Amino acid sequence: MTTTSLKLPDDVKELATAAAKHRGMTPHAFMVEAIRQVASAAEKRARLLAEAEDARDETLTSRKGFAANEVHAYIRGRVQRKATVRPKAKSWRR
């Protein structure tokens, strides 16, 4: 494990110390966990955005997509555990 020095404003240090105490943790453990959670969330967001961009590129290349009303009906049917037909991709550019 490496050591990193982190300068915190007094108000942030007080917040972290109080939150750590409330959770039964040391301030150090609390800050490590907070950094881990935020870094993990940032990584997940970056993956989501990359996947969305790939999906957009695929849609533009294939020129096929799904009608929103059909997708919504399909999802509602699935949630209600009804027999439902999966929507088909349709050409949207000529």
Foldseek 3Di string as FASTA:
>chain_A
DDDDDDDDDPVVLVVLCVVQVVVVHHSVVSVVVVVVVVVVVVVVVVVVVVVVVVVVVVCVVVQWDFDPVLCVVQVVCVVVVHDDDRTDIDHDDD
